[in-house]
Amino acid sequence: QWAQEFPNVKIINDGTRRNEDRHGAVACLQLTVKSCAVDDHLVVIGGDTLFREDFSLRKFTESFFEVQNKDKESHLVLSYQCKDEETSKYWILELDEDLKVQCMKEKPLLSETRSRNAVCFLLYCMIQDYISVLFVLIIRVNIFNYPFNNSVYFRRPVYVLRISGRFDVGNLPSYIECDKYFRNQLQNPSVYLM
């Protein structure tokens, strides 16, 4: 009913009714690509993430095309610095001087990496040719819940655009933190309208 008011919005329902039955992000992406007959590069944005003021979708897409100029098979993800004690909570990216991903570690101990680049899986650009490779990996590697992993990084170049942070609005405490930030600390609300 909500989407009827927005003719450019198409809702695709994967049919699940409980968290325990979810298919995972990559399987839902596959469903969307098939349902919408996507035949182009793809920008994926998670609906439960809000970004701080330094994020710009325009800058993100410009950065994507910049890395495409380096290598037509390149992807782009967001990354932000996490605290030492948070490395074991996130996927951590190890980068070279060009911000190209060299390695990704799943929730490493502090002693297992010097990097503090937490990956933000909730916004990334994938090249058109890679989409079919991703779905082959679903079958072979079973990466339903994570769109990228080390096997993917070594198949295609992945670069990073750094941001200052994000809000994961997946539960009430994080929603309250996000609400407090936007009410009290937001310096330039017009930046969100660009």
C-alpha atoms as a PDB file:
ATOM      1  CA  GLN A   1       0.000   0.000   0.000  1.00  0.00           C
ATOM      2  CA  TRP A   2       2.831   2.390   0.877  1.00  0.00           C
ATOM      3  CA  ALA A   3       4.531   1.936  -2.507  1.00  0.00           C
ATOM      4  CA  GLN A   4       1.352   2.791  -4.421  1.00  0.00           C
ATOM      5  CA  GLU A   5       1.999   6.446  -3.606  1.00  0.00           C
ATOM      6  CA  PHE A   6       5.442   6.254  -5.240  1.00  0.00           C
ATOM      7  CA  PRO A   7       5.284   5.077  -8.863  1.00  0.00           C
ATOM      8  CA  ASN A   8       9.103   4.818  -9.123  1.00  0.00           C
ATOM      9  CA  VAL A   9       9.353   2.444  -6.132  1.00  0.00           C
ATOM     10  CA  LYS A  10       9.123  -1.300  -6.623  1.00  0.00           C
ATOM     11  CA  ILE A  11       8.948  -3.510  -3.540  1.00  0.00           C
ATOM     12  CA  ILE A  12      10.291  -7.023  -3.926  1.00  0.00           C
ATOM     13  CA  ASN A  13       9.244  -9.444  -1.211  1.00  0.00           C
ATOM     14  CA  ASP A  14      11.360 -12.544  -0.640  1.00  0.00           C
ATOM     15  CA  GLY A  15       8.431 -14.217   1.107  1.00  0.00           C
ATOM     16  CA  THR A  16      10.021 -14.650   4.519  1.00  0.00           C
ATOM     17  CA  ARG A  17       8.025 -13.815   7.621  1.00  0.00           C
ATOM     18  CA  ARG A  18      10.534 -14.556  10.417  1.00  0.00           C
ATOM     19  CA  ASN A  19      14.181 -13.605  10.998  1.00  0.00           C
ATOM     20  CA  GLU A  20      15.081 -17.288  11.223  1.00  0.00           C
ATOM     21  CA  ASP A  21      13.879 -17.858   7.645  1.00  0.00           C
ATOM     22  CA  ARG A  22      15.733 -14.984   5.980  1.00  0.00           C
ATOM     23  CA  HIS A  23      17.710 -15.858   2.871  1.00  0.00           C
ATOM     24  CA  GLY A  24      20.545 -13.386   3.454  1.00  0.00           C
ATOM     25  CA  ALA A  25      21.651 -10.216   1.707  1.00  0.00           C
ATOM     26  CA  VAL A  26      23.205 -11.806  -1.361  1.00  0.00           C
ATOM     27  CA  ALA A  27      20.246 -14.083  -2.050  1.00  0.00           C
ATOM     28  CA  CYS A  28      17.925 -11.065  -1.781  1.00  0.00           C
ATOM     29  CA  LEU A  29      20.211  -9.160  -4.131  1.00  0.00           C
ATOM     30  CA  GLN A  30      19.973 -12.041  -6.596  1.00  0.00           C
ATOM     31  CA  LEU A  31      16.170 -11.980  -6.323  1.00  0.00           C
ATOM     32  CA  THR A  32      16.153  -8.239  -7.015  1.00  0.00           C
ATOM     33  CA  VAL A  33      18.475  -8.483 -10.013  1.00  0.00           C
ATOM     34  CA  LYS A  34      16.317 -11.203 -11.542  1.00  0.00           C
ATOM     35  CA  SER A  35      12.981  -9.546 -10.707  1.00  0.00           C
ATOM     36  CA  CYS A  36      14.050  -6.167 -12.115  1.00  0.00           C
ATOM     37  CA  ALA A  37      16.117  -7.553 -15.006  1.00  0.00           C
ATOM     38  CA  VAL A  38      19.126  -5.480 -13.897  1.00  0.00           C
ATOM     39  CA  ASP A  39      21.666  -5.212 -16.708  1.00  0.00           C
ATOM     40  CA  ASP A  40      23.966  -2.451 -15.467  1.00  0.00           C
ATOM     41  CA  HIS A  41      26.290  -1.519 -12.595  1.00  0.00           C
ATOM     42  CA  LEU A  42      24.580  -1.818  -9.255  1.00  0.00           C
ATOM     43  CA  VAL A  43      24.555   0.408  -6.168  1.00  0.00           C
ATOM     44  CA  VAL A  44      23.432  -1.459  -3.054  1.00  0.00           C
ATOM     45  CA  ILE A  45      22.322   0.513   0.002  1.00  0.00           C
ATOM     46  CA  GLY A  46      21.225  -1.050   3.285  1.00  0.00           C
ATOM     47  CA  GLY A  47      18.031   0.494   4.589  1.00  0.00           C
ATOM     48  CA  ASP A  48      19.014   0.402   8.260  1.00  0.00           C
ATOM     49  CA  THR A  49      22.099   2.593   7.890  1.00  0.00           C
ATOM     50  CA  LEU A  50      22.293   6.353   8.209  1.00  0.00           C
ATOM     51  CA  PHE A  51      25.502   8.183   7.409  1.00  0.00           C
ATOM     52  CA  ARG A  52      27.167  11.169   9.000  1.00  0.00           C
ATOM     53  CA  GLU A  53      27.421  14.521   7.221  1.00  0.00           C
ATOM     54  CA  ASP A  54      30.635  13.750   5.343  1.00  0.00           C
ATOM     55  CA  PHE A  55      28.902  11.100   3.226  1.00  0.00           C
ATOM     56  CA  SER A  56      27.700  12.079  -0.217  1.00  0.00           C
ATOM     57  CA  LEU A  57      26.098   9.701  -2.702  1.00  0.00           C
ATOM     58  CA  ARG A  58      27.353  11.980  -5.461  1.00  0.00           C
ATOM     59  CA  LYS A  59      30.942  11.699  -4.167  1.00  0.00           C
ATOM     60  CA  PHE A  60      30.499   7.941  -3.823  1.00  0.00           C
ATOM     61  CA  THR A  61      29.385   7.492  -7.435  1.00  0.00           C
ATOM     62  CA  GLU A  62      32.148   9.829  -8.662  1.00  0.00           C
ATOM     63  CA  SER A  63      34.673   7.756  -6.716  1.00  0.00           C
ATOM     64  CA  PHE A  64      33.261   4.592  -8.271  1.00  0.00           C
ATOM     65  CA  PHE A  65      33.882   5.941 -11.767  1.00  0.00           C
ATOM     66  CA  GLU A  66      37.387   7.053 -10.732  1.00  0.00           C
ATOM     67  CA  VAL A  67      38.291   3.503  -9.701  1.00  0.00           C
ATOM     68  CA  GLN A  68      36.655   2.278 -12.893  1.00  0.00           C
ATOM     69  CA  ASN A  69      39.148   4.423 -14.800  1.00  0.00           C
ATOM     70  CA  LYS A  70      41.980   2.564 -13.012  1.00  0.00           C
ATOM     71  CA  ASP A  71      40.488  -0.843 -13.719  1.00  0.00           C
ATOM     72  CA  LYS A  72      37.129  -1.572 -15.354  1.00  0.00           C
ATOM     73  CA  GLU A  73      36.628  -4.560 -13.036  1.00  0.00           C
ATOM     74  CA  SER A  74      36.878  -2.485  -9.850  1.00  0.00           C
ATOM     75  CA  HIS A  75      34.296  -2.299  -7.096  1.00  0.00           C
ATOM     76  CA  LEU A  76      33.912   0.328  -4.387  1.00  0.00           C
ATOM     77  CA  VAL A  77      32.922  -0.041  -0.722  1.00  0.00           C
ATOM     78  CA  LEU A  78      32.748   2.365   2.190  1.00  0.00           C
ATOM     79  CA  SER A  79      35.057   2.076   5.165  1.00  0.00           C
ATOM     80  CA  TYR A  80      35.499   3.923   8.429  1.00  0.00           C
ATOM     81  CA  GLN A  81      37.955   3.821  11.305  1.00  0.00           C
ATOM     82  CA  CYS A  82      36.943   1.718  14.270  1.00  0.00           C
ATOM     83  CA  LYS A  83      38.412   1.715  17.750  1.00  0.00           C
ATOM     84  CA  ASP A  84      40.945  -0.893  18.843  1.00  0.00           C
ATOM     85  CA  GLU A  85      38.402  -2.712  20.971  1.00  0.00           C
ATOM     86  CA  GLU A  86      35.951  -2.883  18.039  1.00  0.00           C
ATOM     87  CA  THR A  87      38.078  -4.860  15.570  1.00  0.00           C
ATOM     88  CA  SER A  88      36.613  -8.123  16.843  1.00  0.00           C
ATOM     89  CA  LYS A  89      33.095  -6.854  16.028  1.00  0.00           C
ATOM     90  CA  TYR A  90      33.575  -6.012  12.345  1.00  0.00           C
ATOM     91  CA  TRP A  91      35.021  -7.130   9.061  1.00  0.00           C
ATOM     92  CA  ILE A  92      38.385  -5.361   8.865  1.00  0.00           C
ATOM     93  CA  LEU A  93      40.010  -4.352   5.592  1.00  0.00           C
ATOM     94  CA  GLU A  94      43.759  -4.162   5.080  1.00  0.00           C
ATOM     95  CA  LEU A  95      44.498  -1.581   2.380  1.00  0.00           C
ATOM     96  CA  ASP A  96      47.433  -0.486   0.272  1.00  0.00           C
ATOM     97  CA  GLU A  97      48.432   3.163  -0.240  1.00  0.00           C
ATOM     98  CA  ASP A  98      45.864   3.513  -3.078  1.00  0.00           C
ATOM     99  CA  LEU A  99      43.057   2.352  -0.757  1.00  0.00           C
ATOM    100  CA  LYS A 100      42.825  -0.938  -2.615  1.00  0.00           C
ATOM    101  CA  VAL A 101      41.775  -3.881  -0.479  1.00  0.00           C
ATOM    102  CA  GLN A 102      44.575  -6.380   0.016  1.00  0.00           C
ATOM    103  CA  CYS A 103      42.890  -8.564   2.596  1.00  0.00           C
ATOM    104  CA  MET A 104      39.703  -8.763   4.592  1.00  0.00           C
ATOM    105  CA  LYS A 105      39.559 -10.337   8.028  1.00  0.00           C
ATOM    106  CA  GLU A 106      36.369 -11.388   9.735  1.00  0.00           C
ATOM    107  CA  LYS A 107      36.237 -10.031  13.277  1.00  0.00           C
ATOM    108  CA  PRO A 108      39.975 -10.391  13.956  1.00  0.00           C
ATOM    109  CA  LEU A 109      41.604 -10.120  17.338  1.00  0.00           C
ATOM    110  CA  LEU A 110      43.505  -6.894  17.891  1.00  0.00           C
ATOM    111  CA  SER A 111      46.761  -8.842  17.575  1.00  0.00           C
ATOM    112  CA  GLU A 112      45.768 -10.269  14.169  1.00  0.00           C
ATOM    113  CA  THR A 113      45.701  -6.968  12.260  1.00  0.00           C
ATOM    114  CA  ARG A 114      47.146  -3.477  12.415  1.00  0.00           C
ATOM    115  CA  SER A 115      44.261  -2.099  10.378  1.00  0.00           C
ATOM    116  CA  ARG A 116      41.279  -0.310  11.897  1.00  0.00           C
ATOM    117  CA  ASN A 117      39.383   0.029   8.609  1.00  0.00           C
ATOM    118  CA  ALA A 118      35.944  -1.402   9.317  1.00  0.00           C
ATOM    119  CA  VAL A 119      34.078  -2.197   6.144  1.00  0.00           C
ATOM    120  CA  CYS A 120      30.581  -0.888   5.653  1.00  0.00           C
ATOM    121  CA  PHE A 121      28.813  -3.552   3.606  1.00  0.00           C
ATOM    122  CA  LEU A 122      25.677  -1.519   3.428  1.00  0.00           C
ATOM    123  CA  LEU A 123      26.700   0.646   0.525  1.00  0.00           C
ATOM    124  CA  TYR A 124      28.774  -0.575  -2.368  1.00  0.00           C
ATOM    125  CA  CYS A 125      29.004  -0.437  -6.132  1.00  0.00           C
ATOM    126  CA  MET A 126      29.297  -3.624  -8.135  1.00  0.00           C
ATOM    127  CA  ILE A 127      30.193  -3.761 -11.777  1.00  0.00           C
ATOM    128  CA  GLN A 128      27.705  -5.292 -14.166  1.00  0.00           C
ATOM    129  CA  ASP A 129      29.961  -8.197 -15.172  1.00  0.00           C
ATOM    130  CA  TYR A 130      30.488  -9.220 -11.567  1.00  0.00           C
ATOM    131  CA  ILE A 131      26.841  -9.760 -10.709  1.00  0.00           C
ATOM    132  CA  SER A 132      26.721 -13.163 -12.427  1.00  0.00           C
ATOM    133  CA  VAL A 133      30.040 -14.130 -10.768  1.00  0.00           C
ATOM    134  CA  LEU A 134      28.511 -13.298  -7.407  1.00  0.00           C
ATOM    135  CA  PHE A 135      25.618 -15.662  -7.983  1.00  0.00           C
ATOM    136  CA  VAL A 136      27.983 -18.477  -8.986  1.00  0.00           C
ATOM    137  CA  LEU A 137      29.807 -17.869  -5.693  1.00  0.00           C
ATOM    138  CA  ILE A 138      26.517 -18.232  -3.828  1.00  0.00           C
ATOM    139  CA  ILE A 139      26.301 -21.788  -5.096  1.00  0.00           C
ATOM    140  CA  ARG A 140      29.996 -22.710  -4.801  1.00  0.00           C
ATOM    141  CA  VAL A 141      31.135 -20.851  -1.689  1.00  0.00           C
ATOM    142  CA  ASN A 142      27.827 -20.295   0.127  1.00  0.00           C
ATOM    143  CA  ILE A 143      28.340 -16.599   0.828  1.00  0.00           C
ATOM    144  CA  PHE A 144      24.661 -15.799   1.334  1.00  0.00           C
ATOM    145  CA  ASN A 145      25.130 -13.355   4.179  1.00  0.00           C
ATOM    146  CA  TYR A 146      28.234 -11.504   2.972  1.00  0.00           C
ATOM    147  CA  PRO A 147      28.460 -10.014  -0.503  1.00  0.00           C
ATOM    148  CA  PHE A 148      32.245  -9.822  -0.454  1.00  0.00           C
ATOM    149  CA  ASN A 149      34.906 -12.061   1.032  1.00  0.00           C
ATOM    150  CA  ASN A 150      38.591 -12.744   0.387  1.00  0.00           C
ATOM    151  CA  SER A 151      37.860 -15.051  -2.540  1.00  0.00           C
ATOM    152  CA  VAL A 152      35.990 -12.163  -4.188  1.00  0.00           C
ATOM    153  CA  TYR A 153      38.701  -9.589  -3.455  1.00  0.00           C
ATOM    154  CA  PHE A 154      41.271 -11.638  -5.282  1.00  0.00           C
ATOM    155  CA  ARG A 155      38.980 -12.042  -8.304  1.00  0.00           C
ATOM    156  CA  ARG A 156      38.182  -8.345  -8.738  1.00  0.00           C
ATOM    157  CA  PRO A 157      39.857  -5.188  -7.405  1.00  0.00           C
ATOM    158  CA  VAL A 158      37.972  -3.537  -4.549  1.00  0.00           C
ATOM    159  CA  TYR A 159      38.712   0.020  -3.472  1.00  0.00           C
ATOM    160  CA  VAL A 160      37.597   1.974  -0.428  1.00  0.00           C
ATOM    161  CA  LEU A 161      36.039   5.384   0.043  1.00  0.00           C
ATOM    162  CA  ARG A 162      36.601   6.461   3.626  1.00  0.00           C
ATOM    163  CA  ILE A 163      33.881   8.092   5.693  1.00  0.00           C
ATOM    164  CA  SER A 164      33.829   9.233   9.321  1.00  0.00           C
ATOM    165  CA  GLY A 165      31.260   6.693  10.452  1.00  0.00           C
ATOM    166  CA  ARG A 166      27.702   5.516  10.237  1.00  0.00           C
ATOM    167  CA  PHE A 167      24.710   4.631  12.366  1.00  0.00           C
ATOM    168  CA  ASP A 168      23.322   1.106  12.274  1.00  0.00           C
ATOM    169  CA  VAL A 169      19.703   1.676  13.185  1.00  0.00           C
ATOM    170  CA  GLY A 170      18.998  -1.996  13.807  1.00  0.00           C
ATOM    171  CA  ASN A 171      17.850  -1.799  17.422  1.00  0.00           C
ATOM    172  CA  LEU A 172      16.383   0.674  19.905  1.00  0.00           C
ATOM    173  CA  PRO A 173      19.672   1.796  21.567  1.00  0.00           C
ATOM    174  CA  SER A 174      21.273   2.541  18.187  1.00  0.00           C
ATOM    175  CA  TYR A 175      18.107   4.345  17.062  1.00  0.00           C
ATOM    176  CA  ILE A 176      18.246   6.523  20.190  1.00  0.00           C
ATOM    177  CA  GLU A 177      21.931   7.311  19.569  1.00  0.00           C
ATOM    178  CA  CYS A 178      21.209   8.212  15.965  1.00  0.00           C
ATOM    179  CA  ASP A 179      18.218  10.354  16.912  1.00  0.00           C
ATOM    180  CA  LYS A 180      20.323  12.199  19.495  1.00  0.00           C
ATOM    181  CA  TYR A 181      23.017  12.910  16.916  1.00  0.00           C
ATOM    182  CA  PHE A 182      20.605  14.247  14.323  1.00  0.00           C
ATOM    183  CA  ARG A 183      18.745  16.372  16.873  1.00  0.00           C
ATOM    184  CA  ASN A 184      21.769  17.804  18.700  1.00  0.00           C
ATOM    185  CA  GLN A 185      24.897  17.573  16.577  1.00  0.00           C
ATOM    186  CA  LEU A 186      23.840  17.914  12.969  1.00  0.00           C
ATOM    187  CA  GLN A 187      25.532  21.060  11.680  1.00  0.00           C
ATOM    188  CA  ASN A 188      24.212  21.282   8.162  1.00  0.00           C
ATOM    189  CA  PRO A 189      20.839  19.563   7.518  1.00  0.00           C
ATOM    190  CA  SER A 190      20.801  20.695   3.866  1.00  0.00           C
ATOM    191  CA  VAL A 191      23.648  18.289   3.072  1.00  0.00           C
ATOM    192  CA  TYR A 192      21.132  15.442   3.338  1.00  0.00           C
ATOM    193  CA  LEU A 193      18.951  16.993   0.690  1.00  0.00           C
ATOM    194  CA  MET A 194      21.611  16.922  -2.043  1.00  0.00           C
END
